[in-house]
Amino acid sequence: MKKIVTVIVTFNRKNKLMAAIDAYLKSNIFKIVVVNNASTDGTDSYLGFANQTLSFS
């Protein structure tokens, strides 16, 4: 089986990011890498919460 890594670059799109991560978690993705371009909409807080809750690496 191939390992698939997805990279998401985001800037002030927390709601879309949450939906994208949810969709990727339901698929066969090996790893999700999120690049936050200094968002000011709470993206950093969500990613901190998601990292603890979903065990991202």
N, C-alpha and C. Protein backbone atom coordinates (compact mmCIF):
# COMPACT_ATOMS: atom_id res chain seq x y z
N MET A 1 0.83 -1.18 0.00
CA MET A 1 0.00 0.00 0.00
C MET A 1 0.88 1.24 0.00
N LYS A 2 0.53 2.21 -0.84
CA LYS A 2 1.28 3.45 -0.89
C LYS A 2 0.87 4.35 0.26
N LYS A 3 1.84 5.12 0.76
CA LYS A 3 1.56 6.09 1.81
C LYS A 3 1.38 7.45 1.15
N ILE A 4 0.26 8.09 1.44
CA ILE A 4 -0.06 9.39 0.85
C ILE A 4 0.05 10.47 1.90
N VAL A 5 0.79 11.52 1.57
CA VAL A 5 0.93 12.68 2.44
C VAL A 5 0.26 13.85 1.74
N THR A 6 -0.56 14.59 2.45
CA THR A 6 -1.18 15.78 1.89
C THR A 6 -0.68 17.01 2.62
N VAL A 7 -0.49 18.08 1.86
CA VAL A 7 -0.04 19.35 2.42
C VAL A 7 -1.14 20.38 2.19
N ILE A 8 -1.54 21.04 3.27
CA ILE A 8 -2.57 22.08 3.19
C ILE A 8 -1.94 23.39 3.62
N VAL A 9 -2.00 24.39 2.75
CA VAL A 9 -1.52 25.73 3.09
C VAL A 9 -2.76 26.59 3.34
N THR A 10 -2.78 27.30 4.47
CA THR A 10 -3.98 28.04 4.82
C THR A 10 -3.67 29.44 5.33
N PHE A 11 -4.59 30.36 5.08
CA PHE A 11 -4.54 31.70 5.63
C PHE A 11 -5.98 32.16 5.87
N ASN A 12 -6.36 32.25 7.13
CA ASN A 12 -7.70 32.70 7.54
C ASN A 12 -8.83 31.92 6.87
N ARG A 13 -8.71 30.62 6.87
CA ARG A 13 -9.75 29.74 6.31
C ARG A 13 -10.03 28.58 7.28
N LYS A 14 -10.19 28.91 8.55
CA LYS A 14 -10.34 27.87 9.58
C LYS A 14 -11.48 26.92 9.27
N ASN A 15 -12.64 27.43 8.90
CA ASN A 15 -13.79 26.55 8.66
C ASN A 15 -13.53 25.61 7.49
N LYS A 16 -12.93 26.12 6.43
CA LYS A 16 -12.61 25.26 5.29
C LYS A 16 -11.52 24.26 5.67
N LEU A 17 -10.57 24.69 6.47
CA LEU A 17 -9.51 23.80 6.93
C LEU A 17 -10.08 22.66 7.77
N MET A 18 -11.00 22.99 8.67
CA MET A 18 -11.63 21.96 9.50
C MET A 18 -12.35 20.93 8.64
N ALA A 19 -13.07 21.40 7.62
CA ALA A 19 -13.78 20.48 6.72
C ALA A 19 -12.80 19.63 5.92
N ALA A 20 -11.71 20.24 5.47
CA ALA A 20 -10.71 19.49 4.70
C ALA A 20 -10.05 18.41 5.55
N ILE A 21 -9.66 18.77 6.77
CA ILE A 21 -9.03 17.79 7.66
C ILE A 21 -10.00 16.66 7.96
N ASP A 22 -11.26 16.99 8.21
CA ASP A 22 -12.27 15.96 8.47
C ASP A 22 -12.38 15.01 7.28
N ALA A 23 -12.41 15.55 6.08
CA ALA A 23 -12.50 14.71 4.88
C ALA A 23 -11.26 13.83 4.71
N TYR A 24 -10.09 14.41 4.94
CA TYR A 24 -8.85 13.63 4.80
C TYR A 24 -8.77 12.52 5.84
N LEU A 25 -9.25 12.78 7.05
CA LEU A 25 -9.21 11.75 8.09
C LEU A 25 -10.11 10.56 7.76
N LYS A 26 -11.13 10.80 6.96
CA LYS A 26 -12.03 9.72 6.55
C LYS A 26 -11.47 8.94 5.36
N SER A 27 -10.41 9.45 4.75
CA SER A 27 -9.80 8.76 3.62
C SER A 27 -8.56 8.01 4.09
N ASN A 28 -7.79 7.56 3.16
CA ASN A 28 -6.63 6.72 3.47
C ASN A 28 -5.33 7.52 3.44
N ILE A 29 -5.32 8.68 4.09
CA ILE A 29 -4.16 9.55 4.10
C ILE A 29 -3.20 9.12 5.21
N PHE A 30 -1.92 9.03 4.89
CA PHE A 30 -0.90 8.64 5.86
C PHE A 30 -0.56 9.78 6.80
N LYS A 31 -0.42 10.99 6.25
CA LYS A 31 -0.03 12.13 7.07
C LYS A 31 -0.61 13.41 6.47
N ILE A 32 -0.99 14.33 7.34
CA ILE A 32 -1.46 15.65 6.93
C ILE A 32 -0.48 16.68 7.46
N VAL A 33 0.02 17.52 6.57
CA VAL A 33 0.91 18.62 6.95
C VAL A 33 0.16 19.92 6.69
N VAL A 34 0.01 20.75 7.72
CA VAL A 34 -0.68 22.02 7.57
C VAL A 34 0.32 23.15 7.74
N VAL A 35 0.35 24.05 6.75
CA VAL A 35 1.17 25.24 6.82
C VAL A 35 0.24 26.41 7.06
N ASN A 36 0.35 27.02 8.24
CA ASN A 36 -0.49 28.15 8.61
C ASN A 36 0.27 29.43 8.33
N ASN A 37 -0.22 30.21 7.38
CA ASN A 37 0.44 31.46 6.99
C ASN A 37 -0.02 32.62 7.85
N ALA A 38 0.23 32.55 9.15
CA ALA A 38 -0.07 33.63 10.10
C ALA A 38 -1.55 34.02 10.12
N SER A 39 -2.42 33.03 10.12
CA SER A 39 -3.85 33.29 10.19
C SER A 39 -4.21 34.01 11.49
N THR A 40 -5.25 34.81 11.43
CA THR A 40 -5.72 35.54 12.60
C THR A 40 -7.16 35.19 12.96
N ASP A 41 -7.65 34.09 12.41
CA ASP A 41 -9.05 33.69 12.61
C ASP A 41 -9.21 32.52 13.59
N GLY A 42 -8.18 32.22 14.36
CA GLY A 42 -8.25 31.11 15.30
C GLY A 42 -7.72 29.80 14.76
N THR A 43 -7.16 29.83 13.57
CA THR A 43 -6.61 28.62 12.97
C THR A 43 -5.54 28.01 13.86
N ASP A 44 -4.67 28.84 14.42
CA ASP A 44 -3.61 28.32 15.28
C ASP A 44 -4.16 27.61 16.51
N SER A 45 -5.22 28.14 17.10
CA SER A 45 -5.84 27.49 18.26
C SER A 45 -6.47 26.16 17.85
N TYR A 46 -7.14 26.13 16.70
CA TYR A 46 -7.74 24.89 16.22
C TYR A 46 -6.67 23.84 15.97
N LEU A 47 -5.58 24.24 15.33
CA LEU A 47 -4.52 23.28 15.03
C LEU A 47 -3.88 22.75 16.31
N GLY A 48 -3.74 23.59 17.32
CA GLY A 48 -3.22 23.14 18.61
C GLY A 48 -4.14 22.14 19.25
N PHE A 49 -5.45 22.40 19.20
CA PHE A 49 -6.45 21.48 19.73
C PHE A 49 -6.46 20.18 18.93
N ALA A 50 -6.44 20.29 17.61
CA ALA A 50 -6.48 19.11 16.75
C ALA A 50 -5.25 18.25 16.97
N ASN A 51 -4.11 18.88 17.14
CA ASN A 51 -2.87 18.13 17.36
C ASN A 51 -2.95 17.28 18.62
N GLN A 52 -3.52 17.83 19.68
CA GLN A 52 -3.67 17.07 20.92
C GLN A 52 -4.75 16.02 20.81
N THR A 53 -5.84 16.34 20.13
CA THR A 53 -6.99 15.44 20.05
C THR A 53 -6.81 14.33 19.04
N LEU A 54 -6.23 14.67 17.87
CA LEU A 54 -6.15 13.72 16.77
C LEU A 54 -4.78 13.07 16.63
N SER A 55 -3.84 13.47 17.48
CA SER A 55 -2.48 12.93 17.44
C SER A 55 -1.81 13.11 16.09
N PHE A 56 -1.88 14.34 15.56
CA PHE A 56 -1.13 14.65 14.34
C PHE A 56 0.34 14.60 14.68
N SER A 57 1.15 14.36 13.67
CA SER A 57 2.59 14.39 13.89
C SER A 57 3.24 15.27 12.85
